[in-house]
Amino acid sequence: MAVRIFEVTETESTRLTVLELAPLRRQDLRRSKQRYAALGVLCLTLPFAAALFVLGVAH
């Protein structure tokens, strides 16, 4: 369970300010790794696909 620290110096404060964020869960880390992996694959394959398209049109 994540514990967050809040600033509660004012008694009439309607909004609480988060001072420390909760650590990411394993599921969140896995999702972000998968997103960056997919983005990396896309960034590597896109120039090759564009080059093949240009060569196909020019030929």
PDB file of N, CA and C in Angstrom:
ATOM      1  N   MET A   1       0.844  -1.167   0.000  1.00  0.00           N
ATOM      2  CA  MET A   1       0.000   0.000   0.000  1.00  0.00           C
ATOM      3  C   MET A   1       0.898   1.242   0.000  1.00  0.00           C
ATOM      4  N   ALA A   2       0.573   2.183  -0.813  1.00  0.00           N
ATOM      5  CA  ALA A   2       1.371   3.403  -0.932  1.00  0.00           C
ATOM      6  C   ALA A   2       0.915   4.425   0.105  1.00  0.00           C
ATOM      7  N   VAL A   3       1.875   5.116   0.661  1.00  0.00           N
ATOM      8  CA  VAL A   3       1.587   6.170   1.626  1.00  0.00           C
ATOM      9  C   VAL A   3       2.020   7.480   1.019  1.00  0.00           C
ATOM     10  N   ARG A   4       1.154   8.471   1.070  1.00  0.00           N
ATOM     11  CA  ARG A   4       1.469   9.779   0.514  1.00  0.00           C
ATOM     12  C   ARG A   4       1.512  10.798   1.637  1.00  0.00           C
ATOM     13  N   ILE A   5       2.403  11.764   1.493  1.00  0.00           N
ATOM     14  CA  ILE A   5       2.554  12.816   2.491  1.00  0.00           C
ATOM     15  C   ILE A   5       1.837  14.056   1.974  1.00  0.00           C
ATOM     16  N   PHE A   6       0.982  14.652   2.807  1.00  0.00           N
ATOM     17  CA  PHE A   6       0.231  15.833   2.418  1.00  0.00           C
ATOM     18  C   PHE A   6       0.622  17.010   3.300  1.00  0.00           C
ATOM     19  N   GLU A   7       0.532  18.189   2.725  1.00  0.00           N
ATOM     20  CA  GLU A   7       0.783  19.425   3.457  1.00  0.00           C
ATOM     21  C   GLU A   7      -0.540  19.895   4.041  1.00  0.00           C
ATOM     22  N   VAL A   8      -0.666  19.924   5.371  1.00  0.00           N
ATOM     23  CA  VAL A   8      -1.914  20.316   6.020  1.00  0.00           C
ATOM     24  C   VAL A   8      -1.650  21.385   7.089  1.00  0.00           C
ATOM     25  N   THR A   9      -0.946  22.435   6.702  1.00  0.00           N
ATOM     26  CA  THR A   9      -0.644  23.473   7.673  1.00  0.00           C
ATOM     27  C   THR A   9      -1.820  24.419   7.887  1.00  0.00           C
ATOM     28  N   GLU A  10      -2.632  24.632   6.863  1.00  0.00           N
ATOM     29  CA  GLU A  10      -3.790  25.512   6.986  1.00  0.00           C
ATOM     30  C   GLU A  10      -5.024  24.682   7.308  1.00  0.00           C
ATOM     31  N   THR A  11      -5.782  25.131   8.292  1.00  0.00           N
ATOM     32  CA  THR A  11      -6.972  24.371   8.682  1.00  0.00           C
ATOM     33  C   THR A  11      -8.108  24.548   7.681  1.00  0.00           C
ATOM     34  N   GLU A  12      -8.150  25.672   6.968  1.00  0.00           N
ATOM     35  CA  GLU A  12      -9.238  25.935   6.024  1.00  0.00           C
ATOM     36  C   GLU A  12      -8.849  25.580   4.582  1.00  0.00           C
ATOM     37  N   SER A  13      -7.771  24.880   4.436  1.00  0.00           N
ATOM     38  CA  SER A  13      -7.320  24.524   3.094  1.00  0.00           C
ATOM     39  C   SER A  13      -8.269  23.492   2.486  1.00  0.00           C
ATOM     40  N   THR A  14      -8.798  23.810   1.307  1.00  0.00           N
ATOM     41  CA  THR A  14      -9.714  22.888   0.632  1.00  0.00           C
ATOM     42  C   THR A  14      -8.966  21.918  -0.269  1.00  0.00           C
ATOM     43  N   ARG A  15      -7.754  22.275  -0.642  1.00  0.00           N
ATOM     44  CA  ARG A  15      -6.961  21.404  -1.511  1.00  0.00           C
ATOM     45  C   ARG A  15      -5.722  20.959  -0.751  1.00  0.00           C
ATOM     46  N   LEU A  16      -5.384  19.690  -0.896  1.00  0.00           N
ATOM     47  CA  LEU A  16      -4.184  19.152  -0.271  1.00  0.00           C
ATOM     48  C   LEU A  16      -3.083  19.066  -1.326  1.00  0.00           C
ATOM     49  N   THR A  17      -1.888  19.449  -0.973  1.00  0.00           N
ATOM     50  CA  THR A  17      -0.764  19.424  -1.893  1.00  0.00           C
ATOM     51  C   THR A  17       0.046  18.153  -1.653  1.00  0.00           C
ATOM     52  N   VAL A  18       0.269  17.372  -2.695  1.00  0.00           N
ATOM     53  CA  VAL A  18       1.047  16.144  -2.577  1.00  0.00           C
ATOM     54  C   VAL A  18       2.518  16.519  -2.571  1.00  0.00           C
ATOM     55  N   LEU A  19       3.210  16.126  -1.509  1.00  0.00           N
ATOM     56  CA  LEU A  19       4.633  16.427  -1.411  1.00  0.00           C
ATOM     57  C   LEU A  19       5.494  15.312  -1.978  1.00  0.00           C
ATOM     58  N   GLU A  20       5.019  14.086  -1.869  1.00  0.00           N
ATOM     59  CA  GLU A  20       5.799  12.943  -2.324  1.00  0.00           C
ATOM     60  C   GLU A  20       4.873  12.001  -3.075  1.00  0.00           C
ATOM     61  N   LEU A  21       5.218  11.649  -4.306  1.00  0.00           N
ATOM     62  CA  LEU A  21       4.374  10.766  -5.105  1.00  0.00           C
ATOM     63  C   LEU A  21       4.554   9.321  -4.676  1.00  0.00           C
ATOM     64  N   ALA A  22       3.517   8.549  -4.818  1.00  0.00           N
ATOM     65  CA  ALA A  22       3.580   7.123  -4.508  1.00  0.00           C
ATOM     66  C   ALA A  22       4.411   6.421  -5.585  1.00  0.00           C
ATOM     67  N   PRO A  23       5.151   5.396  -5.217  1.00  0.00           N
ATOM     68  CA  PRO A  23       5.947   4.669  -6.217  1.00  0.00           C
ATOM     69  C   PRO A  23       5.044   3.939  -7.209  1.00  0.00           C
ATOM     70  N   LEU A  24       5.567   3.744  -8.398  1.00  0.00           N
ATOM     71  CA  LEU A  24       4.789   3.066  -9.434  1.00  0.00           C
ATOM     72  C   LEU A  24       4.636   1.583  -9.113  1.00  0.00           C
ATOM     73  N   ARG A  25       3.500   1.032  -9.512  1.00  0.00           N
ATOM     74  CA  ARG A  25       3.270  -0.395  -9.322  1.00  0.00           C
ATOM     75  C   ARG A  25       3.975  -1.167 -10.435  1.00  0.00           C
ATOM     76  N   ARG A  26       4.124  -2.460 -10.237  1.00  0.00           N
ATOM     77  CA  ARG A  26       4.766  -3.304 -11.259  1.00  0.00           C
ATOM     78  C   ARG A  26       4.010  -3.244 -12.573  1.00  0.00           C
ATOM     79  N   GLN A  27       2.696  -3.230 -12.479  1.00  0.00           N
ATOM     80  CA  GLN A  27       1.867  -3.175 -13.684  1.00  0.00           C
ATOM     81  C   GLN A  27       2.099  -1.873 -14.436  1.00  0.00           C
ATOM     82  N   ASP A  28       2.214  -0.764 -13.715  1.00  0.00           N
ATOM     83  CA  ASP A  28       2.472   0.521 -14.358  1.00  0.00           C
ATOM     84  C   ASP A  28       3.845   0.541 -15.011  1.00  0.00           C
ATOM     85  N   LEU A  29       4.832  -0.031 -14.355  1.00  0.00           N
ATOM     86  CA  LEU A  29       6.178  -0.094 -14.936  1.00  0.00           C
ATOM     87  C   LEU A  29       6.188  -0.946 -16.196  1.00  0.00           C
ATOM     88  N   ARG A  30       5.480  -2.074 -16.158  1.00  0.00           N
ATOM     89  CA  ARG A  30       5.433  -2.950 -17.330  1.00  0.00           C
ATOM     90  C   ARG A  30       4.757  -2.259 -18.506  1.00  0.00           C
ATOM     91  N   ARG A  31       3.664  -1.528 -18.232  1.00  0.00           N
ATOM     92  CA  ARG A  31       2.976  -0.808 -19.307  1.00  0.00           C
ATOM     93  C   ARG A  31       3.868   0.257 -19.926  1.00  0.00           C
ATOM     94  N   SER A  32       4.575   1.003 -19.087  1.00  0.00           N
ATOM     95  CA  SER A  32       5.427   2.064 -19.626  1.00  0.00           C
ATOM     96  C   SER A  32       6.584   1.473 -20.424  1.00  0.00           C
ATOM     97  N   LYS A  33       7.131   0.343 -19.975  1.00  0.00           N
ATOM     98  CA  LYS A  33       8.197  -0.307 -20.737  1.00  0.00           C
ATOM     99  C   LYS A  33       7.678  -0.786 -22.090  1.00  0.00           C
ATOM    100  N   GLN A  34       6.465  -1.333 -22.091  1.00  0.00           N
ATOM    101  CA  GLN A  34       5.886  -1.806 -23.349  1.00  0.00           C
ATOM    102  C   GLN A  34       5.608  -0.648 -24.299  1.00  0.00           C
ATOM    103  N   ARG A  35       5.159   0.480 -23.761  1.00  0.00           N
ATOM    104  CA  ARG A  35       4.907   1.651 -24.617  1.00  0.00           C
ATOM    105  C   ARG A  35       6.196   2.152 -25.239  1.00  0.00           C
ATOM    106  N   TYR A  36       7.252   2.267 -24.425  1.00  0.00           N
ATOM    107  CA  TYR A  36       8.521   2.752 -24.959  1.00  0.00           C
ATOM    108  C   TYR A  36       9.134   1.753 -25.938  1.00  0.00           C
ATOM    109  N   ALA A  37       8.938   0.467 -25.696  1.00  0.00           N
ATOM    110  CA  ALA A  37       9.433  -0.545 -26.630  1.00  0.00           C
ATOM    111  C   ALA A  37       8.704  -0.435 -27.971  1.00  0.00           C
ATOM    112  N   ALA A  38       7.394  -0.264 -27.921  1.00  0.00           N
ATOM    113  CA  ALA A  38       6.615  -0.123 -29.155  1.00  0.00           C
ATOM    114  C   ALA A  38       7.003   1.158 -29.889  1.00  0.00           C
ATOM    115  N   LEU A  39       7.211   2.229 -29.146  1.00  0.00           N
ATOM    116  CA  LEU A  39       7.636   3.483 -29.763  1.00  0.00           C
ATOM    117  C   LEU A  39       9.011   3.335 -30.413  1.00  0.00           C
ATOM    118  N   GLY A  40       9.919   2.619 -29.760  1.00  0.00           N
ATOM    119  CA  GLY A  40      11.244   2.388 -30.327  1.00  0.00           C
ATOM    120  C   GLY A  40      11.190   1.573 -31.609  1.00  0.00           C
ATOM    121  N   VAL A  41      10.373   0.536 -31.614  1.00  0.00           N
ATOM    122  CA  VAL A  41      10.219  -0.287 -32.823  1.00  0.00           C
ATOM    123  C   VAL A  41       9.629   0.542 -33.949  1.00  0.00           C
ATOM    124  N   LEU A  42       8.653   1.366 -33.626  1.00  0.00           N
ATOM    125  CA  LEU A  42       8.045   2.230 -34.640  1.00  0.00           C
ATOM    126  C   LEU A  42       9.063   3.219 -35.204  1.00  0.00           C
ATOM    127  N   CYS A  43       9.867   3.796 -34.328  1.00  0.00           N
ATOM    128  CA  CYS A  43      10.876   4.763 -34.780  1.00  0.00           C
ATOM    129  C   CYS A  43      11.950   4.110 -35.641  1.00  0.00           C
ATOM    130  N   LEU A  44      12.206   2.827 -35.421  1.00  0.00           N
ATOM    131  CA  LEU A  44      13.200   2.143 -36.237  1.00  0.00           C
ATOM    132  C   LEU A  44      12.639   1.665 -37.573  1.00  0.00           C
ATOM    133  N   THR A  45      11.378   1.256 -37.593  1.00  0.00           N
ATOM    134  CA  THR A  45      10.818   0.710 -38.828  1.00  0.00           C
ATOM    135  C   THR A  45      10.242   1.773 -39.757  1.00  0.00           C
ATOM    136  N   LEU A  46       9.829   2.891 -39.218  1.00  0.00           N
ATOM    137  CA  LEU A  46       9.223   3.930 -40.042  1.00  0.00           C
ATOM    138  C   LEU A  46      10.151   4.457 -41.139  1.00  0.00           C
ATOM    139  N   PRO A  47      11.426   4.765 -40.859  1.00  0.00           N
ATOM    140  CA  PRO A  47      12.297   5.235 -41.949  1.00  0.00           C
ATOM    141  C   PRO A  47      12.507   4.180 -43.050  1.00  0.00           C
ATOM    142  N   PHE A  48      12.597   2.899 -42.656  1.00  0.00           N
ATOM    143  CA  PHE A  48      12.770   1.853 -43.656  1.00  0.00           C
ATOM    144  C   PHE A  48      11.520   1.703 -44.514  1.00  0.00           C
ATOM    145  N   ALA A  49      10.356   1.779 -43.911  1.00  0.00           N
ATOM    146  CA  ALA A  49       9.112   1.689 -44.673  1.00  0.00           C
ATOM    147  C   ALA A  49       8.987   2.892 -45.614  1.00  0.00           C
ATOM    148  N   ALA A  50       9.359   4.072 -45.152  1.00  0.00           N
ATOM    149  CA  ALA A  50       9.307   5.261 -46.005  1.00  0.00           C
ATOM    150  C   ALA A  50      10.287   5.137 -47.171  1.00  0.00           C
ATOM    151  N   ALA A  51      11.472   4.603 -46.904  1.00  0.00           N
ATOM    152  CA  ALA A  51      12.460   4.427 -47.970  1.00  0.00           C
ATOM    153  C   ALA A  51      11.958   3.421 -49.004  1.00  0.00           C
ATOM    154  N   LEU A  52      11.357   2.331 -48.546  1.00  0.00           N
ATOM    155  CA  LEU A  52      10.818   1.352 -49.486  1.00  0.00           C
ATOM    156  C   LEU A  52       9.692   1.953 -50.319  1.00  0.00           C
ATOM    157  N   PHE A  53       8.868   2.767 -49.716  1.00  0.00           N
ATOM    158  CA  PHE A  53       7.792   3.427 -50.439  1.00  0.00           C
ATOM    159  C   PHE A  53       8.357   4.380 -51.493  1.00  0.00           C
ATOM    160  N   VAL A  54       9.356   5.164 -51.129  1.00  0.00           N
ATOM    161  CA  VAL A  54       9.961   6.115 -52.072  1.00  0.00           C
ATOM    162  C   VAL A  54      10.637   5.369 -53.223  1.00  0.00           C
ATOM    163  N   LEU A  55      11.344   4.284 -52.905  1.00  0.00           N
ATOM    164  CA  LEU A  55      11.980   3.502 -53.968  1.00  0.00           C
ATOM    165  C   LEU A  55      10.943   2.852 -54.881  1.00  0.00           C
ATOM    166  N   GLY A  56       9.839   2.415 -54.313  1.00  0.00           N
ATOM    167  CA  GLY A  56       8.783   1.808 -55.124  1.00  0.00           C
ATOM    168  C   GLY A  56       8.133   2.823 -56.037  1.00  0.00           C
ATOM    169  N   VAL A  57       7.919   4.042 -55.570  1.00  0.00           N
ATOM    170  CA  VAL A  57       7.315   5.095 -56.385  1.00  0.00           C
ATOM    171  C   VAL A  57       8.287   5.560 -57.466  1.00  0.00           C
ATOM    172  N   ALA A  58       9.569   5.676 -57.109  1.00  0.00           N
ATOM    173  CA  ALA A  58      10.569   6.180 -58.053  1.00  0.00           C
ATOM    174  C   ALA A  58      10.913   5.149 -59.114  1.00  0.00           C
ATOM    175  N   HIS A  59      10.717   3.891 -58.808  1.00  0.00           N
ATOM    176  CA  HIS A  59      11.084   2.845 -59.774  1.00  0.00           C
ATOM    177  C   HIS A  59       9.989   2.655 -60.743  1.00  0.00           C
TER     178      HIS A  59
END
